[in-house]
Amino acid sequence: MKRLLAVLAFVLTLPILAAEPAPSDANLWLQWRGPTRDGQVSGSTWPSNFKGLEQLWRVDLAEGYPGPIVAADRVFVAETKDRKEEIVRCLDRKTGKQLWEYGWPGSMTVPFFAARNGSWIRSTPAYDGECLYVAGMRDVLVCLDGKTGKERWRADLMARFKSELPTFGFVCSPLVDGDAVYVQAGGAFVKLNKKTGETIWRTLDDKGGMMGSAFSSPTIATLQGRRQILVQTRTTLAGVDETDGKVLWSQKIPAMRGMNILTPTTYKDSIFTSAHSAKTYRFDVLPTNTPSIKTAWELPMDGYMSSPVLVGKYAYLHLRNQRVACIDVEQGKTMWTTSQTFGKYWSMAAQGDRILALDERGILYLLKANPDKFELLDERKISNQETWGHLAVAGDEIYVRELKGLIAFRWKQADK
């Protein structure tokens, strides 16, 4: 007994070790456009310039367009190897060292103007802390164990639904919510059980083929107090009931060759979007028992591939003519449009009154979100390759997907 009491007394004198705190959303980038799927970033205030931007590591990859996924201790990237195989790599977040890789046969050739930029894998994966959901070009969704890379299930949606192969491939980025994963593939908008890959429901059937599936990606929105999935197909904007797949409301969006590409953004009970060779719009969902939608305003300018970010009531939108505009979403008023042109595409993230923008020419811009004028705080050429993948911002780190590589940067305050 004396010996036991002595051991207990010794144990009680040991320091109590607290469990390691879980990383906050600000330190993670687990899906398309970040924690809230709209490019918004929380956490500590960003620096006011790039003087403290330093490269941590870089790895070579095969070609690909998916943005990187940044978890607590690892980073996931996808690529197309030798035009024959789609590969997923898991890298150590601190060093870039490869932890595992997994691949499957899968490739196709996209037509027309899209072929100029290659037929590489496009969709940005999604990670729920346990599983990684990766979309291959041929309408195949693969679920991988995030720790080991082991395949848990695979859904060949084209075979399952007897749909045509979408001419431009599987482009939309998966949305994971609760026990489900949502994708615009298999010639429709589909909800799957994320544990098994089984179909829960299927809606907005578009048959696949030339005008099939989607270039945009679904998001979750609460409009007029009702939680729903916001979906933009090649022709139509719609609100979908998450339980049964019922289309609550819909709105046709004209666009050349169905190029509704950017991801719409919500503002209060409204939706802000823009389409190729069409216009920029705000649509209001009405407070009625039977949900409906109306056009609040439209402007004669068109966005193309670049999804906007909202800061307050102002939307910052990269346009098809390669200029940038600031739009008052409440009034439908253009505050300014740059005379300067940039690249063909910007991926953007926002925090407070600052916006990061990655140009596909490998240039990183830092803007002040100023509705009175275009205010460029800093810019830096960070890559000599094309950078079409959406940038990821996780804590004080920025990840940039080059066409054939991935670069990790640390961004910190520096002496002026």
Protein backbone atom coordinates (compact mmCIF):
# COMPACT_ATOMS: atom_id res chain seq x y z
CA MET A 1 0.00 0.00 0.00
CA LYS A 2 2.79 2.45 0.89
CA ARG A 3 4.44 1.68 -2.45
CA LEU A 4 1.14 2.34 -4.32
CA LEU A 5 0.58 5.62 -2.50
CA ALA A 6 4.11 6.71 -3.34
CA VAL A 7 3.57 5.98 -7.03
CA LEU A 8 0.27 7.90 -7.02
CA ALA A 9 1.91 10.87 -5.32
CA PHE A 10 4.65 10.90 -7.95
CA VAL A 11 2.14 10.75 -10.79
CA LEU A 12 0.16 13.65 -9.35
CA THR A 13 3.29 15.82 -9.36
CA LEU A 14 3.79 15.34 -13.11
CA PRO A 15 2.77 18.26 -15.33
CA ILE A 16 -0.60 17.87 -17.02
CA LEU A 17 -0.15 17.72 -20.78
CA ALA A 18 -2.99 19.31 -22.70
CA ALA A 19 -4.17 17.67 -25.88
CA GLU A 20 -2.79 19.27 -29.02
CA PRO A 21 -5.40 21.74 -30.23
CA ALA A 22 -7.15 20.89 -33.48
CA PRO A 23 -6.20 23.16 -36.37
CA SER A 24 -8.67 25.94 -37.04
CA ASP A 25 -10.41 26.41 -40.37
CA ALA A 26 -7.97 29.25 -41.02
CA ASN A 27 -5.11 26.72 -41.12
CA LEU A 28 -6.87 24.36 -43.52
CA TRP A 29 -8.03 24.42 -47.15
CA LEU A 30 -10.06 21.26 -47.61
CA GLN A 31 -12.18 21.95 -50.67
CA TRP A 32 -12.79 24.13 -53.71
CA ARG A 33 -12.37 27.82 -52.78
CA GLY A 34 -11.57 27.11 -49.14
CA PRO A 35 -13.34 26.62 -45.79
CA THR A 36 -16.63 28.28 -46.77
CA ARG A 37 -16.35 27.56 -50.51
CA ASP A 38 -16.42 31.25 -51.40
CA GLY A 39 -12.77 32.29 -51.16
CA GLN A 40 -13.16 33.84 -47.70
CA VAL A 41 -10.28 33.31 -45.26
CA SER A 42 -10.31 33.88 -41.49
CA GLY A 43 -7.33 33.99 -39.11
CA SER A 44 -4.63 36.57 -38.49
CA THR A 45 -4.46 39.69 -40.64
CA TRP A 46 -2.58 39.31 -43.89
CA PRO A 47 0.60 41.33 -44.48
CA SER A 48 0.35 44.46 -46.61
CA ASN A 49 2.97 43.36 -49.16
CA PHE A 50 4.98 40.36 -50.39
CA LYS A 51 8.31 41.31 -48.81
CA GLY A 52 7.88 38.49 -46.29
CA LEU A 53 6.85 35.88 -48.89
CA GLU A 54 9.37 33.02 -48.92
CA GLN A 55 9.36 29.65 -50.66
CA LEU A 56 9.29 26.64 -48.33
CA TRP A 57 9.48 23.84 -50.89
CA ARG A 58 8.56 22.81 -54.42
CA VAL A 59 7.80 19.42 -55.99
CA ASP A 60 7.57 18.37 -59.63
CA LEU A 61 4.29 16.89 -60.83
CA ALA A 62 2.70 15.81 -64.09
CA GLU A 63 0.19 18.19 -65.70
CA GLY A 64 -3.00 19.09 -63.88
CA TYR A 65 -5.43 21.88 -63.04
CA PRO A 66 -6.87 20.86 -59.63
CA GLY A 67 -6.15 23.23 -56.78
CA PRO A 68 -4.21 21.79 -53.81
CA ILE A 69 -5.99 20.51 -50.70
CA VAL A 70 -4.25 21.47 -47.43
CA ALA A 71 -4.95 19.38 -44.32
CA ALA A 72 -3.34 19.67 -40.87
CA ASP A 73 -0.20 17.72 -41.74
CA ARG A 74 -0.48 16.89 -45.45
CA VAL A 75 -1.28 18.28 -48.87
CA PHE A 76 -3.14 16.46 -51.66
CA VAL A 77 -2.66 17.11 -55.39
CA ALA A 78 -3.92 15.43 -58.57
CA GLU A 79 -2.38 15.11 -62.02
CA THR A 80 -2.60 13.33 -65.38
CA LYS A 81 0.44 11.19 -66.18
CA ASP A 82 1.48 10.36 -69.77
CA ARG A 83 -2.06 11.17 -70.99
CA LYS A 84 -3.09 7.75 -69.71
CA GLU A 85 -3.38 7.72 -65.92
CA GLU A 86 -4.82 10.00 -63.23
CA ILE A 87 -2.66 10.20 -60.12
CA VAL A 88 -3.30 11.50 -56.60
CA ARG A 89 -0.30 12.37 -54.45
CA CYS A 90 -0.18 12.99 -50.71
CA LEU A 91 2.69 15.20 -49.56
CA ASP A 92 4.03 16.12 -46.13
CA ARG A 93 2.89 19.68 -45.43
CA LYS A 94 6.18 20.71 -43.80
CA THR A 95 8.63 19.30 -46.32
CA GLY A 96 6.77 18.37 -49.52
CA LYS A 97 8.04 14.77 -49.17
CA GLN A 98 5.69 12.26 -50.78
CA LEU A 99 3.76 10.10 -48.30
CA TRP A 100 1.78 8.04 -50.82
CA GLU A 101 0.36 8.04 -54.33
CA TYR A 102 -2.53 6.26 -56.01
CA GLY A 103 -3.70 6.17 -59.60
CA TRP A 104 -6.15 4.68 -62.08
CA PRO A 105 -6.45 4.57 -65.89
CA GLY A 106 -8.29 7.63 -67.11
CA SER A 107 -7.86 10.24 -69.81
CA MET A 108 -9.71 11.95 -72.64
CA THR A 109 -9.22 14.72 -75.17
CA VAL A 110 -11.32 17.84 -74.81
CA PRO A 111 -12.38 19.72 -77.97
CA PHE A 112 -12.23 23.21 -79.43
CA PHE A 113 -10.67 26.08 -77.51
CA ALA A 114 -10.30 23.98 -74.35
CA ALA A 115 -7.78 21.70 -76.07
CA ARG A 116 -5.31 24.59 -76.30
CA ASN A 117 -4.72 24.31 -72.56
CA GLY A 118 -4.54 20.51 -72.50
CA SER A 119 -6.87 17.71 -71.44
CA TRP A 120 -5.53 17.24 -67.93
CA ILE A 121 -7.58 16.39 -64.85
CA ARG A 122 -9.52 19.49 -63.75
CA SER A 123 -11.66 18.98 -60.65
CA THR A 124 -10.32 20.06 -57.23
CA PRO A 125 -10.75 17.21 -54.68
CA ALA A 126 -12.48 17.52 -51.29
CA TYR A 127 -11.26 16.16 -47.93
CA ASP A 128 -13.39 15.56 -44.84
CA GLY A 129 -10.52 14.79 -42.46
CA GLU A 130 -10.75 11.08 -43.17
CA CYS A 131 -11.42 10.54 -46.86
CA LEU A 132 -10.38 12.33 -50.03
CA TYR A 133 -12.92 12.52 -52.86
CA VAL A 134 -11.30 12.84 -56.29
CA ALA A 135 -13.04 13.28 -59.64
CA GLY A 136 -11.45 11.75 -62.71
CA MET A 137 -12.12 13.20 -66.16
CA ARG A 138 -14.27 10.27 -67.34
CA ASP A 139 -17.05 10.84 -64.78
CA VAL A 140 -15.43 8.61 -62.17
CA LEU A 141 -15.45 9.60 -58.49
CA VAL A 142 -12.87 7.87 -56.29
CA CYS A 143 -12.86 7.84 -52.47
CA LEU A 144 -9.42 7.37 -50.91
CA ASP A 145 -8.31 6.96 -47.32
CA GLY A 146 -6.48 10.19 -46.54
CA LYS A 147 -3.88 8.54 -44.30
CA THR A 148 -2.95 5.53 -46.43
CA GLY A 149 -4.16 6.27 -49.96
CA LYS A 150 -6.13 3.03 -50.01
CA GLU A 151 -9.21 3.08 -52.26
CA ARG A 152 -12.46 2.78 -50.28
CA TRP A 153 -14.88 2.95 -53.19
CA ARG A 154 -15.19 4.03 -56.78
CA ALA A 155 -18.29 5.29 -58.61
CA ASP A 156 -18.28 5.16 -62.40
CA LEU A 157 -21.19 7.56 -62.84
CA MET A 158 -21.31 7.35 -66.62
CA ALA A 159 -21.75 3.56 -66.44
CA ARG A 160 -24.14 3.77 -63.50
CA PHE A 161 -26.55 6.19 -65.16
CA LYS A 162 -25.95 5.20 -68.81
CA SER A 163 -25.07 8.82 -69.60
CA GLU A 164 -22.77 10.08 -72.33
CA LEU A 165 -19.23 11.09 -71.51
CA PRO A 166 -19.30 14.88 -70.98
CA THR A 167 -17.37 16.42 -73.84
CA PHE A 168 -15.22 18.55 -71.52
CA GLY A 169 -14.84 15.92 -68.80
CA PHE A 170 -15.65 15.94 -65.09
CA VAL A 171 -15.01 19.58 -64.20
CA CYS A 172 -17.08 20.36 -61.08
CA SER A 173 -15.39 20.02 -57.68
CA PRO A 174 -17.08 17.67 -55.17
CA LEU A 175 -19.01 19.14 -52.25
CA VAL A 176 -18.92 17.13 -49.00
CA ASP A 177 -21.58 17.84 -46.39
CA GLY A 178 -22.59 15.59 -43.49
CA ASP A 179 -22.76 12.01 -44.71
CA ALA A 180 -23.06 12.96 -48.37
CA VAL A 181 -20.94 14.03 -51.31
CA TYR A 182 -22.52 16.05 -54.13
CA VAL A 183 -21.24 16.17 -57.72
CA GLN A 184 -22.40 17.43 -61.10
CA ALA A 185 -21.57 14.37 -63.19
CA GLY A 186 -23.20 11.31 -64.70
CA GLY A 187 -25.36 13.63 -66.80
CA ALA A 188 -27.02 15.21 -63.75
CA PHE A 189 -26.60 16.59 -60.23
CA VAL A 190 -26.09 13.65 -57.88
CA LYS A 191 -26.04 13.06 -54.13
CA LEU A 192 -24.03 10.03 -52.99
CA ASN A 193 -23.48 8.35 -49.64
CA LYS A 194 -19.93 9.38 -48.81
CA LYS A 195 -19.23 6.13 -46.94
CA THR A 196 -20.31 3.77 -49.72
CA GLY A 197 -20.67 5.77 -52.94
CA GLU A 198 -24.28 4.63 -53.31
CA THR A 199 -26.74 6.98 -55.01
CA ILE A 200 -29.15 8.83 -52.69
CA TRP A 201 -30.84 10.90 -55.41
CA ARG A 202 -30.25 12.31 -58.88
CA THR A 203 -31.77 15.47 -60.37
CA LEU A 204 -31.30 18.12 -63.11
CA ASP A 205 -30.74 15.45 -65.75
CA ASP A 206 -28.78 16.82 -68.74
CA LYS A 207 -27.87 13.50 -70.44
CA GLY A 208 -24.15 14.29 -70.63
CA GLY A 209 -22.41 14.82 -73.96
CA MET A 210 -21.69 18.23 -75.47
CA MET A 211 -23.93 20.21 -73.10
CA GLY A 212 -23.73 17.77 -70.22
CA SER A 213 -22.73 18.02 -66.57
CA ALA A 214 -21.24 21.34 -65.43
CA PHE A 215 -18.27 23.67 -65.39
CA SER A 216 -19.42 25.32 -62.14
CA SER A 217 -19.35 23.72 -58.66
CA PRO A 218 -22.21 23.38 -56.14
CA THR A 219 -22.31 25.25 -52.82
CA ILE A 220 -24.54 25.29 -49.74
CA ALA A 221 -26.72 28.35 -49.23
CA THR A 222 -29.43 29.45 -46.82
CA LEU A 223 -31.90 31.59 -48.75
CA GLN A 224 -35.07 32.95 -47.16
CA GLY A 225 -34.31 30.77 -44.13
CA ARG A 226 -34.16 27.53 -46.12
CA ARG A 227 -30.93 25.57 -46.40
CA GLN A 228 -30.39 24.27 -49.94
CA ILE A 229 -27.77 23.32 -52.49
CA LEU A 230 -26.99 26.08 -54.99
CA VAL A 231 -26.31 24.52 -58.38
CA GLN A 232 -25.38 26.04 -61.71
CA THR A 233 -25.59 23.74 -64.73
CA ARG A 234 -24.46 24.64 -68.23
CA THR A 235 -27.78 26.45 -68.78
CA THR A 236 -29.57 26.91 -65.46
CA LEU A 237 -29.12 28.25 -61.93
CA ALA A 238 -31.15 26.28 -59.37
CA GLY A 239 -31.81 25.73 -55.68
CA VAL A 240 -32.08 22.03 -54.79
CA ASP A 241 -33.57 20.48 -51.65
CA GLU A 242 -30.76 18.57 -49.91
CA THR A 243 -33.11 15.86 -48.61
CA ASP A 244 -34.91 14.66 -51.72
CA GLY A 245 -33.27 16.45 -54.66
CA LYS A 246 -36.39 18.46 -55.51
CA VAL A 247 -35.67 21.57 -57.56
CA LEU A 248 -37.03 24.41 -55.43
CA TRP A 249 -36.58 27.15 -58.04
CA SER A 250 -34.63 27.65 -61.24
CA GLN A 251 -33.45 30.43 -63.52
CA LYS A 252 -32.14 30.12 -67.08
CA ILE A 253 -28.71 31.71 -67.58
CA PRO A 254 -27.82 32.39 -71.22
CA ALA A 255 -24.18 31.81 -72.15
CA MET A 256 -22.24 31.07 -75.30
CA ARG A 257 -21.99 27.28 -75.71
CA GLY A 258 -23.22 26.84 -72.17
CA MET A 259 -20.13 28.41 -70.64
CA ASN A 260 -21.57 29.04 -67.20
CA ILE A 261 -18.21 28.42 -65.55
CA LEU A 262 -17.73 30.49 -62.41
CA THR A 263 -19.21 29.49 -59.05
CA PRO A 264 -22.11 31.82 -58.06
CA THR A 265 -21.85 33.69 -54.77
CA THR A 266 -24.63 34.46 -52.31
CA TYR A 267 -25.34 37.85 -50.77
CA LYS A 268 -28.09 37.85 -48.14
CA ASP A 269 -31.06 36.20 -49.92
CA SER A 270 -29.60 36.88 -53.34
CA ILE A 271 -27.24 35.23 -55.81
CA PHE A 272 -24.52 37.01 -57.77
CA THR A 273 -23.30 35.42 -60.98
CA SER A 274 -22.01 36.15 -64.47
CA ALA A 275 -21.80 34.22 -67.74
CA HIS A 276 -19.63 34.14 -70.87
CA SER A 277 -20.91 36.44 -73.66
CA ALA A 278 -23.94 37.31 -71.53
CA LYS A 279 -24.32 39.59 -68.51
CA THR A 280 -23.69 39.93 -64.78
CA TYR A 281 -26.74 39.38 -62.57
CA ARG A 282 -28.22 39.51 -59.12
CA PHE A 283 -31.16 37.19 -58.58
CA ASP A 284 -33.37 37.40 -55.49
CA VAL A 285 -35.05 34.37 -53.94
CA LEU A 286 -38.52 35.47 -52.83
CA PRO A 287 -40.08 34.79 -49.40
CA THR A 288 -43.00 32.68 -50.61
CA ASN A 289 -44.39 29.27 -49.66
CA THR A 290 -43.46 28.06 -53.11
CA PRO A 291 -39.90 29.32 -53.62
CA SER A 292 -39.37 31.49 -56.66
CA ILE A 293 -36.70 33.79 -58.02
CA LYS A 294 -36.61 37.14 -59.82
CA THR A 295 -33.96 39.28 -61.51
CA ALA A 296 -33.00 42.20 -59.27
CA TRP A 297 -30.66 43.78 -61.82
CA GLU A 298 -28.29 42.97 -64.67
CA LEU A 299 -25.16 44.67 -66.01
CA PRO A 300 -23.69 44.55 -69.53
CA MET A 301 -20.41 42.87 -68.57
CA ASP A 302 -19.48 39.20 -68.52
CA GLY A 303 -17.32 37.11 -66.29
CA TYR A 304 -15.71 34.00 -67.72
CA MET A 305 -13.85 31.40 -65.64
CA SER A 306 -12.95 33.38 -62.52
CA SER A 307 -15.27 33.09 -59.51
CA PRO A 308 -15.79 36.42 -57.69
CA VAL A 309 -15.13 37.31 -54.07
CA LEU A 310 -17.41 39.56 -52.01
CA VAL A 311 -16.15 42.05 -49.45
CA GLY A 312 -19.08 43.68 -47.70
CA LYS A 313 -21.64 44.56 -50.35
CA TYR A 314 -19.05 44.75 -53.13
CA ALA A 315 -18.18 41.99 -55.57
CA TYR A 316 -14.75 41.90 -57.18
CA LEU A 317 -14.97 40.15 -60.54
CA HIS A 318 -12.34 39.25 -63.15
CA LEU A 319 -13.97 39.72 -66.55
CA ARG A 320 -13.73 37.93 -69.88
CA ASN A 321 -12.01 40.99 -71.37
CA GLN A 322 -9.25 40.41 -68.78
CA ARG A 323 -10.10 43.52 -66.76
CA VAL A 324 -11.29 43.60 -63.15
CA ALA A 325 -14.47 45.27 -61.91
CA CYS A 326 -15.94 46.24 -58.55
CA ILE A 327 -19.73 46.00 -58.36
CA ASP A 328 -22.13 47.24 -55.70
CA VAL A 329 -24.30 44.14 -55.32
CA GLU A 330 -27.13 45.98 -53.57
CA GLN A 331 -27.46 48.75 -56.15
CA GLY A 332 -26.34 46.92 -59.28
CA LYS A 333 -23.81 49.67 -59.88
CA THR A 334 -20.34 49.33 -61.37
CA MET A 335 -17.98 51.20 -59.05
CA TRP A 336 -14.95 50.88 -61.33
CA THR A 337 -13.42 48.78 -64.07
CA THR A 338 -9.67 48.68 -64.61
CA SER A 339 -8.15 50.06 -67.79
CA GLN A 340 -5.30 47.63 -67.20
CA THR A 341 -5.73 44.09 -68.52
CA PHE A 342 -4.43 41.01 -66.74
CA GLY A 343 -4.33 37.32 -67.62
CA LYS A 344 -7.24 35.14 -68.75
CA TYR A 345 -7.97 33.81 -65.26
CA TRP A 346 -7.74 34.80 -61.62
CA SER A 347 -8.26 32.58 -58.61
CA MET A 348 -9.01 34.78 -55.62
CA ALA A 349 -9.18 34.68 -51.83
CA ALA A 350 -10.22 37.49 -49.49
CA GLN A 351 -9.64 38.44 -45.89
CA GLY A 352 -10.88 41.67 -44.37
CA ASP A 353 -10.15 44.42 -46.88
CA ARG A 354 -7.48 42.47 -48.79
CA ILE A 355 -7.70 40.20 -51.80
CA LEU A 356 -5.12 37.73 -53.09
CA ALA A 357 -5.35 36.99 -56.80
CA LEU A 358 -3.35 34.39 -58.70
CA ASP A 359 -3.09 35.07 -62.44
CA GLU A 360 -2.67 32.04 -64.72
CA ARG A 361 0.60 33.64 -65.95
CA GLY A 362 2.24 32.89 -62.59
CA ILE A 363 1.74 36.38 -61.10
CA LEU A 364 0.41 36.85 -57.57
CA TYR A 365 -1.40 40.11 -56.81
CA LEU A 366 -2.36 41.68 -53.50
CA LEU A 367 -5.23 44.18 -53.68
CA LYS A 368 -6.97 46.39 -51.19
CA ALA A 369 -10.72 45.89 -51.44
CA ASN A 370 -11.53 49.50 -52.16
CA PRO A 371 -14.85 50.35 -53.86
CA ASP A 372 -13.60 53.83 -54.77
CA LYS A 373 -10.67 52.74 -56.94
CA PHE A 374 -8.53 49.81 -58.02
CA GLU A 375 -5.77 49.67 -55.42
CA LEU A 376 -2.85 47.31 -56.05
CA LEU A 377 -0.71 46.86 -52.94
CA ASP A 378 1.89 44.50 -54.37
CA GLU A 379 2.59 41.93 -57.07
CA ARG A 380 5.17 39.22 -57.62
CA LYS A 381 6.04 36.78 -60.37
CA ILE A 382 6.17 33.47 -58.53
CA SER A 383 6.22 30.95 -61.37
CA ASN A 384 7.35 30.68 -64.97
CA GLN A 385 4.69 28.04 -65.62
CA GLU A 386 0.96 28.42 -66.07
CA THR A 387 -0.95 28.50 -62.78
CA TRP A 388 -4.57 27.62 -63.58
CA GLY A 389 -5.21 25.69 -60.35
CA HIS A 390 -7.02 27.63 -57.62
CA LEU A 391 -4.60 28.95 -55.01
CA ALA A 392 -4.89 27.70 -51.41
CA VAL A 393 -4.32 29.88 -48.32
CA ALA A 394 -3.85 28.04 -45.03
CA GLY A 395 -2.72 30.06 -42.03
CA ASP A 396 0.46 31.89 -43.02
CA GLU A 397 1.06 29.55 -45.97
CA ILE A 398 0.12 29.91 -49.65
CA TYR A 399 0.09 26.93 -52.02
CA VAL A 400 0.34 27.44 -55.77
CA ARG A 401 -0.34 24.67 -58.30
CA GLU A 402 1.84 25.11 -61.34
CA LEU A 403 1.00 23.16 -64.47
CA LYS A 404 3.82 20.75 -63.61
CA GLY A 405 4.47 21.37 -59.95
CA LEU A 406 3.36 22.58 -56.53
CA ILE A 407 5.01 25.39 -54.56
CA ALA A 408 4.52 26.08 -50.84
CA PHE A 409 5.19 29.59 -49.54
CA ARG A 410 5.19 31.15 -46.10
CA TRP A 411 3.80 34.68 -45.98
CA LYS A 412 4.72 36.77 -42.97
CA GLN A 413 5.03 40.37 -41.93
CA ALA A 414 8.31 41.92 -42.99
CA ASP A 415 10.09 45.16 -42.23
CA LYS A 416 8.95 47.93 -44.54
